[in-house]
């Protein structure tokens, strides 16, 4: 499936891994990246259910963009266990301009193929996706 605006396709494994996270709860997070020639979005990293939020944020590169899915578990004020699926466009200020532009132009098309996302975030540095921010947005 190629993105009409940017010409970037999506590898089938991306949707397979997202389905495993969403339906089967096999993964805690998935990061996606564009391949070396910026023609296809592929799975970058997959974190198992025991992976911490810190492990997830540490997996995001300092100088390059990523799309990320994070399955956040929390307990409500009424003591009910819940989960929210976060979609994060990671686009650090230090990334190359070409990378930021291609990720931005492909973002909506890629995200629209991931049915079931509950919270959408864009971040340019780690302070925008701290555990406190994620917790507040989940509730």
Protein backbone atom coordinates (compact mmCIF):
# COMPACT_ATOMS: atom_id res chain seq x y z
CA UNK A 1 0.00 0.00 0.00
CA UNK A 2 1.81 3.13 -1.19
CA UNK A 3 1.11 6.57 0.18
CA UNK A 4 -0.01 8.77 -2.71
CA UNK A 5 1.60 11.96 -1.37
CA UNK A 6 4.99 10.59 -0.39
CA UNK A 7 5.13 7.37 -2.43
CA UNK A 8 5.97 5.38 0.70
CA UNK A 9 4.53 1.87 0.99
CA UNK A 10 3.76 -0.12 4.13
CA UNK A 11 5.27 -3.56 4.63
CA UNK A 12 2.66 -6.24 5.48
CA UNK A 13 4.55 -7.14 8.68
CA UNK A 14 3.59 -3.72 10.12
CA UNK A 15 -0.11 -4.58 10.13
CA UNK A 16 0.56 -8.13 11.32
CA UNK A 17 2.54 -6.92 14.36
CA UNK A 18 -0.05 -4.24 15.14
CA UNK A 19 -2.78 -6.91 15.09
CA UNK A 20 -0.73 -9.04 17.47
CA UNK A 21 -0.41 -6.09 19.87
CA UNK A 22 -4.04 -4.99 19.61
CA UNK A 23 -5.94 -8.29 19.53
CA UNK A 24 -3.60 -10.82 21.10
CA UNK A 25 -1.68 -8.47 23.42
CA UNK A 26 1.59 -10.16 22.48
CA UNK A 27 3.66 -6.95 22.47
CA UNK A 28 4.06 -3.88 24.69
CA UNK A 29 5.31 -1.63 21.89
CA UNK A 30 6.23 -1.55 18.22
CA UNK A 31 8.39 1.03 16.47
CA UNK A 32 8.26 1.49 12.72
CA UNK A 33 10.78 3.17 10.44
CA UNK A 34 11.23 3.95 6.79
CA UNK A 35 13.70 1.71 5.03
CA UNK A 36 17.01 3.13 3.80
CA UNK A 37 15.63 4.45 0.50
CA UNK A 38 12.48 5.90 2.14
CA UNK A 39 10.21 3.76 -0.04
CA UNK A 40 8.61 1.51 2.58
CA UNK A 41 7.60 1.60 6.25
CA UNK A 42 8.91 -1.49 8.05
CA UNK A 43 8.92 -2.85 11.60
CA UNK A 44 11.91 -1.50 13.50
CA UNK A 45 11.61 -2.95 17.04
CA UNK A 46 9.08 -4.98 19.00
CA UNK A 47 8.97 -5.01 22.79
CA UNK A 48 7.49 -7.97 24.65
CA UNK A 49 4.80 -7.53 27.32
CA UNK A 50 7.38 -7.31 30.14
CA UNK A 51 9.12 -4.34 28.52
CA UNK A 52 9.00 -1.15 30.61
CA UNK A 53 7.99 2.30 29.43
CA UNK A 54 11.60 3.39 29.95
CA UNK A 55 12.77 0.58 27.65
CA UNK A 56 10.34 1.88 25.05
CA UNK A 57 11.47 5.51 25.24
CA UNK A 58 15.12 4.40 25.21
CA UNK A 59 14.44 2.53 21.95
CA UNK A 60 13.57 5.78 20.15
CA UNK A 61 16.59 7.19 18.30
CA UNK A 62 17.90 10.62 19.30
CA UNK A 63 18.48 11.77 15.72
CA UNK A 64 15.86 10.05 13.57
CA UNK A 65 12.10 9.78 13.27
CA UNK A 66 9.87 6.81 14.08
CA UNK A 67 6.24 5.86 14.23
CA UNK A 68 5.47 4.03 17.46
CA UNK A 69 2.62 2.11 19.07
CA UNK A 70 2.55 1.67 22.84
CA UNK A 71 0.00 -0.39 24.77
CA UNK A 72 -0.33 1.44 28.10
CA UNK A 73 -1.95 -0.37 31.05
CA UNK A 74 -3.27 1.67 33.97
CA UNK A 75 -5.77 1.58 36.84
CA UNK A 76 -8.59 4.14 36.95
CA UNK A 77 -9.66 6.11 40.01
CA UNK A 78 -12.45 3.53 40.39
CA UNK A 79 -9.76 0.79 40.62
CA UNK A 80 -10.55 -0.64 37.18
CA UNK A 81 -7.73 -2.07 35.06
CA UNK A 82 -7.70 -0.46 31.59
CA UNK A 83 -5.48 -0.17 28.56
CA UNK A 84 -4.99 2.52 25.90
CA UNK A 85 -3.20 2.12 22.60
CA UNK A 86 -1.02 5.13 21.89
CA UNK A 87 0.23 6.16 18.47
CA UNK A 88 3.30 8.39 18.63
CA UNK A 89 4.96 10.25 15.80
CA UNK A 90 8.53 10.65 17.08
CA UNK A 91 10.21 13.48 15.16
CA UNK A 92 13.09 14.88 17.20
CA UNK A 93 14.37 18.36 16.41
CA UNK A 94 17.80 16.82 15.72
CA UNK A 95 16.51 14.58 12.88
CA UNK A 96 17.41 15.43 9.28
CA UNK A 97 14.93 17.69 7.50
CA UNK A 98 14.29 15.10 4.74
CA UNK A 99 13.41 12.46 7.32
CA UNK A 100 11.07 14.80 9.23
CA UNK A 101 9.30 15.81 6.02
CA UNK A 102 8.80 12.25 4.76
CA UNK A 103 7.56 10.99 8.12
CA UNK A 104 5.17 13.94 8.37
CA UNK A 105 3.73 13.47 4.87
CA UNK A 106 3.24 9.71 5.36
CA UNK A 107 1.95 9.97 8.93
CA UNK A 108 -1.81 10.29 8.33
CA UNK A 109 -1.98 7.53 5.73
CA UNK A 110 0.03 5.11 7.88
CA UNK A 111 -1.93 5.94 11.03
CA UNK A 112 -5.30 5.54 9.27
CA UNK A 113 -4.45 1.91 8.52
CA UNK A 114 -4.03 1.15 12.23
CA UNK A 115 -7.61 0.75 13.44
CA UNK A 116 -7.98 0.89 17.20
CA UNK A 117 -5.60 3.68 18.14
CA UNK A 118 -7.03 5.51 21.14
CA UNK A 119 -4.53 8.30 21.80
CA UNK A 120 -2.47 10.16 19.19
CA UNK A 121 0.69 12.08 20.13
CA UNK A 122 3.46 13.91 18.32
CA UNK A 123 6.76 14.42 20.08
CA UNK A 124 9.93 16.31 19.23
CA UNK A 125 11.78 15.50 22.45
CA UNK A 126 11.54 13.10 25.37
CA UNK A 127 9.81 15.64 27.65
CA UNK A 128 6.69 15.38 25.46
CA UNK A 129 6.27 11.65 26.08
CA UNK A 130 7.23 11.16 29.72
CA UNK A 131 5.34 8.58 31.75
CA UNK A 132 3.46 11.43 33.46
CA UNK A 133 2.29 12.78 30.08
CA UNK A 134 1.23 9.32 28.90
CA UNK A 135 -0.61 8.64 32.19
CA UNK A 136 -2.48 11.95 31.99
CA UNK A 137 -3.49 11.39 28.36
CA UNK A 138 -4.66 7.83 29.09
CA UNK A 139 -7.20 9.01 31.64
